[in-house]
C-alpha atoms as a PDB file:
ATOM      1  CA  UNK A   1      35.575 -43.140 -30.547  1.00  0.00           C
ATOM      2  CA  UNK A   2      33.096 -40.317 -31.088  1.00  0.00           C
ATOM      3  CA  UNK A   3      31.735 -40.929 -34.577  1.00  0.00           C
ATOM      4  CA  UNK A   4      29.653 -38.166 -36.122  1.00  0.00           C
ATOM      5  CA  UNK A   5      26.123 -38.980 -37.329  1.00  0.00           C
ATOM      6  CA  UNK A   6      25.713 -40.047 -40.981  1.00  0.00           C
ATOM      7  CA  UNK A   7      23.857 -36.874 -41.857  1.00  0.00           C
ATOM      8  CA  UNK A   8      26.944 -34.794 -41.015  1.00  0.00           C
ATOM      9  CA  UNK A   9      29.179 -36.780 -43.386  1.00  0.00           C
ATOM     10  CA  UNK A  10      30.806 -35.522 -46.554  1.00  0.00           C
ATOM     11  CA  UNK A  11      28.639 -37.713 -48.798  1.00  0.00           C
ATOM     12  CA  UNK A  12      25.491 -35.989 -47.545  1.00  0.00           C
ATOM     13  CA  UNK A  13      27.129 -32.613 -48.220  1.00  0.00           C
ATOM     14  CA  UNK A  14      28.123 -33.748 -51.711  1.00  0.00           C
ATOM     15  CA  UNK A  15      24.582 -34.936 -52.378  1.00  0.00           C
ATOM     16  CA  UNK A  16      23.052 -31.604 -51.394  1.00  0.00           C
ATOM     17  CA  UNK A  17      25.655 -29.657 -53.370  1.00  0.00           C
ATOM     18  CA  UNK A  18      25.009 -31.669 -56.531  1.00  0.00           C
ATOM     19  CA  UNK A  19      21.227 -31.975 -56.151  1.00  0.00           C
ATOM     20  CA  UNK A  20      20.394 -28.704 -57.968  1.00  0.00           C
ATOM     21  CA  UNK A  21      22.674 -29.735 -60.834  1.00  0.00           C
ATOM     22  CA  UNK A  22      21.097 -33.181 -61.044  1.00  0.00           C
ATOM     23  CA  UNK A  23      17.600 -31.708 -61.116  1.00  0.00           C
ATOM     24  CA  UNK A  24      18.667 -29.194 -63.742  1.00  0.00           C
ATOM     25  CA  UNK A  25      20.311 -31.900 -65.877  1.00  0.00           C
ATOM     26  CA  UNK A  26      17.182 -34.085 -65.634  1.00  0.00           C
ATOM     27  CA  UNK A  27      15.092 -31.088 -66.694  1.00  0.00           C
ATOM     28  CA  UNK A  28      17.359 -30.330 -69.648  1.00  0.00           C
ATOM     29  CA  UNK A  29      17.492 -33.956 -70.794  1.00  0.00           C
ATOM     30  CA  UNK A  30      13.730 -34.434 -70.459  1.00  0.00           C
ATOM     31  CA  UNK A  31      13.086 -31.247 -72.432  1.00  0.00           C
ATOM     32  CA  UNK A  32      10.867 -29.707 -69.753  1.00  0.00           C
ATOM     33  CA  UNK A  33      11.381 -26.255 -71.227  1.00  0.00           C
ATOM     34  CA  UNK A  34      13.706 -24.913 -68.536  1.00  0.00           C
ATOM     35  CA  UNK A  35      15.813 -23.766 -71.432  1.00  0.00           C
ATOM     36  CA  UNK A  36      19.155 -22.237 -72.050  1.00  0.00           C
ATOM     37  CA  UNK A  37      18.818 -19.020 -70.065  1.00  0.00           C
ATOM     38  CA  UNK A  38      17.455 -20.809 -66.984  1.00  0.00           C
ATOM     39  CA  UNK A  39      20.323 -23.327 -67.101  1.00  0.00           C
ATOM     40  CA  UNK A  40      22.917 -20.603 -67.530  1.00  0.00           C
ATOM     41  CA  UNK A  41      21.419 -18.530 -64.736  1.00  0.00           C
ATOM     42  CA  UNK A  42      21.215 -21.352 -62.190  1.00  0.00           C
ATOM     43  CA  UNK A  43      24.632 -22.881 -62.898  1.00  0.00           C
ATOM     44  CA  UNK A  44      26.319 -19.477 -62.894  1.00  0.00           C
ATOM     45  CA  UNK A  45      24.761 -18.427 -59.611  1.00  0.00           C
ATOM     46  CA  UNK A  46      25.498 -21.738 -57.904  1.00  0.00           C
ATOM     47  CA  UNK A  47      29.103 -21.562 -59.043  1.00  0.00           C
ATOM     48  CA  UNK A  48      29.414 -18.008 -57.705  1.00  0.00           C
ATOM     49  CA  UNK A  49      27.840 -18.883 -54.373  1.00  0.00           C
ATOM     50  CA  UNK A  50      29.930 -21.987 -53.780  1.00  0.00           C
ATOM     51  CA  UNK A  51      32.995 -19.960 -54.736  1.00  0.00           C
ATOM     52  CA  UNK A  52      32.047 -17.308 -52.176  1.00  0.00           C
ATOM     53  CA  UNK A  53      31.653 -19.912 -49.429  1.00  0.00           C
ATOM     54  CA  UNK A  54      34.983 -21.532 -50.231  1.00  0.00           C
ATOM     55  CA  UNK A  55      36.870 -18.217 -50.171  1.00  0.00           C
ATOM     56  CA  UNK A  56      35.441 -16.750 -46.972  1.00  0.00           C
ATOM     57  CA  UNK A  57      36.176 -19.808 -44.805  1.00  0.00           C
ATOM     58  CA  UNK A  58      39.722 -18.942 -43.693  1.00  0.00           C
ATOM     59  CA  UNK A  59      39.090 -15.264 -42.890  1.00  0.00           C
ATOM     60  CA  UNK A  60      35.926 -16.121 -40.944  1.00  0.00           C
ATOM     61  CA  UNK A  61      37.979 -18.496 -38.765  1.00  0.00           C
ATOM     62  CA  UNK A  62      40.271 -15.561 -37.927  1.00  0.00           C
ATOM     63  CA  UNK A  63      37.330 -13.300 -37.091  1.00  0.00           C
ATOM     64  CA  UNK A  64      35.274 -15.891 -35.208  1.00  0.00           C
ATOM     65  CA  UNK A  65      37.689 -18.565 -33.940  1.00  0.00           C
ATOM     66  CA  UNK A  66      35.149 -20.258 -31.655  1.00  0.00           C
ATOM     67  CA  UNK A  67      32.123 -20.181 -33.961  1.00  0.00           C
ATOM     68  CA  UNK A  68      30.974 -23.466 -35.503  1.00  0.00           C
ATOM     69  CA  UNK A  69      29.970 -22.292 -38.970  1.00  0.00           C
ATOM     70  CA  UNK A  70      33.404 -20.919 -39.978  1.00  0.00           C
ATOM     71  CA  UNK A  71      34.990 -24.162 -38.758  1.00  0.00           C
ATOM     72  CA  UNK A  72      32.509 -26.172 -40.813  1.00  0.00           C
ATOM     73  CA  UNK A  73      33.191 -23.993 -43.873  1.00  0.00           C
ATOM     74  CA  UNK A  74      36.930 -24.379 -43.398  1.00  0.00           C
ATOM     75  CA  UNK A  75      36.685 -28.172 -43.134  1.00  0.00           C
ATOM     76  CA  UNK A  76      34.637 -28.288 -46.326  1.00  0.00           C
ATOM     77  CA  UNK A  77      36.138 -25.467 -48.388  1.00  0.00           C
ATOM     78  CA  UNK A  78      37.815 -27.848 -50.817  1.00  0.00           C
ATOM     79  CA  UNK A  79      34.447 -29.507 -51.533  1.00  0.00           C
ATOM     80  CA  UNK A  80      32.786 -26.097 -51.889  1.00  0.00           C
ATOM     81  CA  UNK A  81      35.504 -24.968 -54.294  1.00  0.00           C
ATOM     82  CA  UNK A  82      35.089 -28.135 -56.350  1.00  0.00           C
ATOM     83  CA  UNK A  83      31.326 -27.606 -56.431  1.00  0.00           C
ATOM     84  CA  UNK A  84      31.979 -24.077 -57.741  1.00  0.00           C
ATOM     85  CA  UNK A  85      34.236 -25.525 -60.443  1.00  0.00           C
ATOM     86  CA  UNK A  86      31.784 -28.233 -61.502  1.00  0.00           C
ATOM     87  CA  UNK A  87      28.890 -25.781 -61.726  1.00  0.00           C
ATOM     88  CA  UNK A  88      31.146 -23.532 -63.835  1.00  0.00           C
ATOM     89  CA  UNK A  89      31.921 -26.567 -66.014  1.00  0.00           C
ATOM     90  CA  UNK A  90      28.188 -27.285 -66.341  1.00  0.00           C
ATOM     91  CA  UNK A  91      27.697 -23.597 -67.204  1.00  0.00           C
ATOM     92  CA  UNK A  92      30.396 -23.777 -69.915  1.00  0.00           C
ATOM     93  CA  UNK A  93      29.043 -27.021 -71.372  1.00  0.00           C
ATOM     94  CA  UNK A  94      25.516 -25.610 -71.678  1.00  0.00           C
ATOM     95  CA  UNK A  95      26.961 -22.502 -73.358  1.00  0.00           C
ATOM     96  CA  UNK A  96      29.070 -24.524 -75.801  1.00  0.00           C
ATOM     97  CA  UNK A  97      26.180 -26.862 -76.664  1.00  0.00           C
ATOM     98  CA  UNK A  98      23.490 -24.212 -77.075  1.00  0.00           C
ATOM     99  CA  UNK A  99      25.351 -21.310 -78.707  1.00  0.00           C
ATOM    100  CA  UNK A 100      26.324 -21.571 -82.403  1.00  0.00           C
ATOM    101  CA  UNK A 101      30.080 -21.932 -83.003  1.00  0.00           C
ATOM    102  CA  UNK A 102      30.292 -18.763 -85.103  1.00  0.00           C
ATOM    103  CA  UNK A 103      28.757 -16.771 -82.226  1.00  0.00           C
ATOM    104  CA  UNK A 104      31.197 -18.326 -79.719  1.00  0.00           C
ATOM    105  CA  UNK A 105      34.147 -17.379 -81.939  1.00  0.00           C
ATOM    106  CA  UNK A 106      32.804 -13.868 -82.588  1.00  0.00           C
ATOM    107  CA  UNK A 107      32.171 -13.171 -78.874  1.00  0.00           C
ATOM    108  CA  UNK A 108      35.277 -14.903 -77.501  1.00  0.00           C
ATOM    109  CA  UNK A 109      37.284 -11.696 -76.938  1.00  0.00           C
ATOM    110  CA  UNK A 110      34.381  -9.787 -75.440  1.00  0.00           C
ATOM    111  CA  UNK A 111      35.637  -8.846 -71.945  1.00  0.00           C
ATOM    112  CA  UNK A 112      32.619 -10.417 -70.252  1.00  0.00           C
ATOM    113  CA  UNK A 113      33.280 -13.786 -71.891  1.00  0.00           C
ATOM    114  CA  UNK A 114      37.065 -13.608 -71.958  1.00  0.00           C
ATOM    115  CA  UNK A 115      37.089 -13.093 -68.184  1.00  0.00           C
ATOM    116  CA  UNK A 116      34.977 -16.251 -67.823  1.00  0.00           C
ATOM    117  CA  UNK A 117      37.267 -18.359 -70.007  1.00  0.00           C
ATOM    118  CA  UNK A 118      40.379 -17.114 -68.199  1.00  0.00           C
ATOM    119  CA  UNK A 119      38.800 -17.844 -64.831  1.00  0.00           C
ATOM    120  CA  UNK A 120      37.811 -21.317 -65.983  1.00  0.00           C
ATOM    121  CA  UNK A 121      41.294 -22.060 -67.329  1.00  0.00           C
ATOM    122  CA  UNK A 122      42.786 -21.088 -63.956  1.00  0.00           C
ATOM    123  CA  UNK A 123      40.314 -23.369 -62.176  1.00  0.00           C
ATOM    124  CA  UNK A 124      41.202 -26.470 -64.194  1.00  0.00           C
ATOM    125  CA  UNK A 125      44.610 -27.163 -62.588  1.00  0.00           C
ATOM    126  CA  UNK A 126      43.159 -26.238 -59.211  1.00  0.00           C
ATOM    127  CA  UNK A 127      40.350 -28.797 -59.587  1.00  0.00           C
ATOM    128  CA  UNK A 128      42.742 -31.485 -60.821  1.00  0.00           C
ATOM    129  CA  UNK A 129      45.114 -30.953 -57.897  1.00  0.00           C
ATOM    130  CA  UNK A 130      42.420 -30.802 -55.200  1.00  0.00           C
ATOM    131  CA  UNK A 131      43.062 -34.282 -53.850  1.00  0.00           C
ATOM    132  CA  UNK A 132      45.130 -35.279 -50.831  1.00  0.00           C
ATOM    133  CA  UNK A 133      47.475 -37.186 -53.135  1.00  0.00           C
ATOM    134  CA  UNK A 134      48.229 -34.089 -55.212  1.00  0.00           C
ATOM    135  CA  UNK A 135      48.709 -32.032 -52.044  1.00  0.00           C
ATOM    136  CA  UNK A 136      51.333 -34.498 -50.796  1.00  0.00           C
ATOM    137  CA  UNK A 137      53.024 -34.762 -54.181  1.00  0.00           C
ATOM    138  CA  UNK A 138      53.181 -31.035 -54.937  1.00  0.00           C
ATOM    139  CA  UNK A 139      54.039 -29.924 -51.375  1.00  0.00           C
ATOM    140  CA  UNK A 140      54.527 -26.116 -51.309  1.00  0.00           C
ATOM    141  CA  UNK A 141      53.765 -25.826 -55.038  1.00  0.00           C
ATOM    142  CA  UNK A 142      50.193 -26.872 -54.267  1.00  0.00           C
ATOM    143  CA  UNK A 143      49.550 -23.612 -52.394  1.00  0.00           C
ATOM    144  CA  UNK A 144      51.090 -21.582 -55.220  1.00  0.00           C
ATOM    145  CA  UNK A 145      48.686 -23.189 -57.688  1.00  0.00           C
ATOM    146  CA  UNK A 146      45.702 -22.583 -55.438  1.00  0.00           C
ATOM    147  CA  UNK A 147      46.582 -18.941 -54.755  1.00  0.00           C
ATOM    148  CA  UNK A 148      45.573 -18.369 -58.371  1.00  0.00           C
ATOM    149  CA  UNK A 149      42.024 -19.014 -57.163  1.00  0.00           C
ATOM    150  CA  UNK A 150      41.755 -15.420 -55.987  1.00  0.00           C
ATOM    151  CA  UNK A 151      42.368 -14.152 -59.527  1.00  0.00           C
ATOM    152  CA  UNK A 152      39.956 -16.765 -60.875  1.00  0.00           C
ATOM    153  CA  UNK A 153      37.309 -15.516 -58.438  1.00  0.00           C
ATOM    154  CA  UNK A 154      37.776 -11.881 -59.455  1.00  0.00           C
ATOM    155  CA  UNK A 155      37.535 -12.850 -63.121  1.00  0.00           C
ATOM    156  CA  UNK A 156      34.423 -14.950 -62.473  1.00  0.00           C
ATOM    157  CA  UNK A 157      32.698 -12.095 -60.652  1.00  0.00           C
ATOM    158  CA  UNK A 158      33.788  -9.677 -63.404  1.00  0.00           C
ATOM    159  CA  UNK A 159      32.187 -12.031 -65.937  1.00  0.00           C
ATOM    160  CA  UNK A 160      29.002 -12.065 -63.877  1.00  0.00           C
ATOM    161  CA  UNK A 161      28.875  -8.262 -63.788  1.00  0.00           C
ATOM    162  CA  UNK A 162      29.765  -7.650 -67.431  1.00  0.00           C
ATOM    163  CA  UNK A 163      27.709 -10.367 -69.075  1.00  0.00           C
ATOM    164  CA  UNK A 164      24.464  -9.026 -67.632  1.00  0.00           C
ATOM    165  CA  UNK A 165      25.580  -5.384 -67.426  1.00  0.00           C
ATOM    166  CA  UNK A 166      24.298  -5.481 -63.866  1.00  0.00           C
ATOM    167  CA  UNK A 167      26.901  -5.118 -61.144  1.00  0.00           C
ATOM    168  CA  UNK A 168      24.795  -5.529 -57.999  1.00  0.00           C
ATOM    169  CA  UNK A 169      24.564  -9.369 -57.873  1.00  0.00           C
ATOM    170  CA  UNK A 170      28.261  -9.774 -58.704  1.00  0.00           C
ATOM    171  CA  UNK A 171      29.262  -7.229 -56.065  1.00  0.00           C
ATOM    172  CA  UNK A 172      27.067  -8.872 -53.427  1.00  0.00           C
ATOM    173  CA  UNK A 173      29.253 -11.950 -53.897  1.00  0.00           C
ATOM    174  CA  UNK A 174      32.616 -10.312 -54.651  1.00  0.00           C
ATOM    175  CA  UNK A 175      32.716  -7.630 -51.944  1.00  0.00           C
ATOM    176  CA  UNK A 176      32.509 -10.017 -48.956  1.00  0.00           C
ATOM    177  CA  UNK A 177      35.306 -12.098 -50.492  1.00  0.00           C
ATOM    178  CA  UNK A 178      37.468  -9.015 -51.083  1.00  0.00           C
ATOM    179  CA  UNK A 179      36.849  -7.557 -47.626  1.00  0.00           C
ATOM    180  CA  UNK A 180      37.383 -10.808 -45.746  1.00  0.00           C
ATOM    181  CA  UNK A 181      40.432 -11.811 -47.786  1.00  0.00           C
ATOM    182  CA  UNK A 182      41.783  -8.268 -47.387  1.00  0.00           C
ATOM    183  CA  UNK A 183      41.406  -8.648 -43.626  1.00  0.00           C
ATOM    184  CA  UNK A 184      43.096 -12.064 -43.733  1.00  0.00           C
ATOM    185  CA  UNK A 185      46.071 -10.883 -45.789  1.00  0.00           C
ATOM    186  CA  UNK A 186      46.374  -7.629 -43.849  1.00  0.00           C
ATOM    187  CA  UNK A 187      46.554  -9.593 -40.632  1.00  0.00           C
ATOM    188  CA  UNK A 188      49.087 -12.005 -42.149  1.00  0.00           C
ATOM    189  CA  UNK A 189      51.439  -9.226 -43.285  1.00  0.00           C
ATOM    190  CA  UNK A 190      51.090  -7.225 -40.050  1.00  0.00           C
ATOM    191  CA  UNK A 191      52.032 -10.352 -38.069  1.00  0.00           C
ATOM    192  CA  UNK A 192      55.062 -10.925 -40.300  1.00  0.00           C
ATOM    193  CA  UNK A 193      56.246  -7.335 -39.870  1.00  0.00           C
ATOM    194  CA  UNK A 194      55.736  -7.370 -36.095  1.00  0.00           C
END
């Protein structure tokens, strides 16, 4: 049996994915002055980047079927998607703890924040059902639930663009997802029609 080295295991990946969050949490709890805006910035960007990696895995396999990196991404896309969710959860918790309730209520229907809450609400059932047990239990329904992830991603990137009124960083993350997923779905439908 050809066992892979320990440093290629999923627990090492999980450690490196959660390390920035652990360091940030330690900084927040120790009161090192990293502050609200730093926490929001880091957790938001990490969530967006892990989301990007999870969504480009399948199309990259189609484009580069023999390349190692797309295969690695594809094997780990569930973990990457969960990391995106947990950094979004961290992001939401920091927001809810640091921002006064009256401000949260007043800003709730602002498009930049509403898009974030909608995206997060879509992610919750996806995160809950991201285990092998749920996949077996839900069968074809599992895919239907997880297809909502594309809408959640668009809403998350819309939040990123609107909340800072700066579209460039959001587009840097959203455009590759849209192009690669467009390629994937275009190829899927052309094969079905052929």
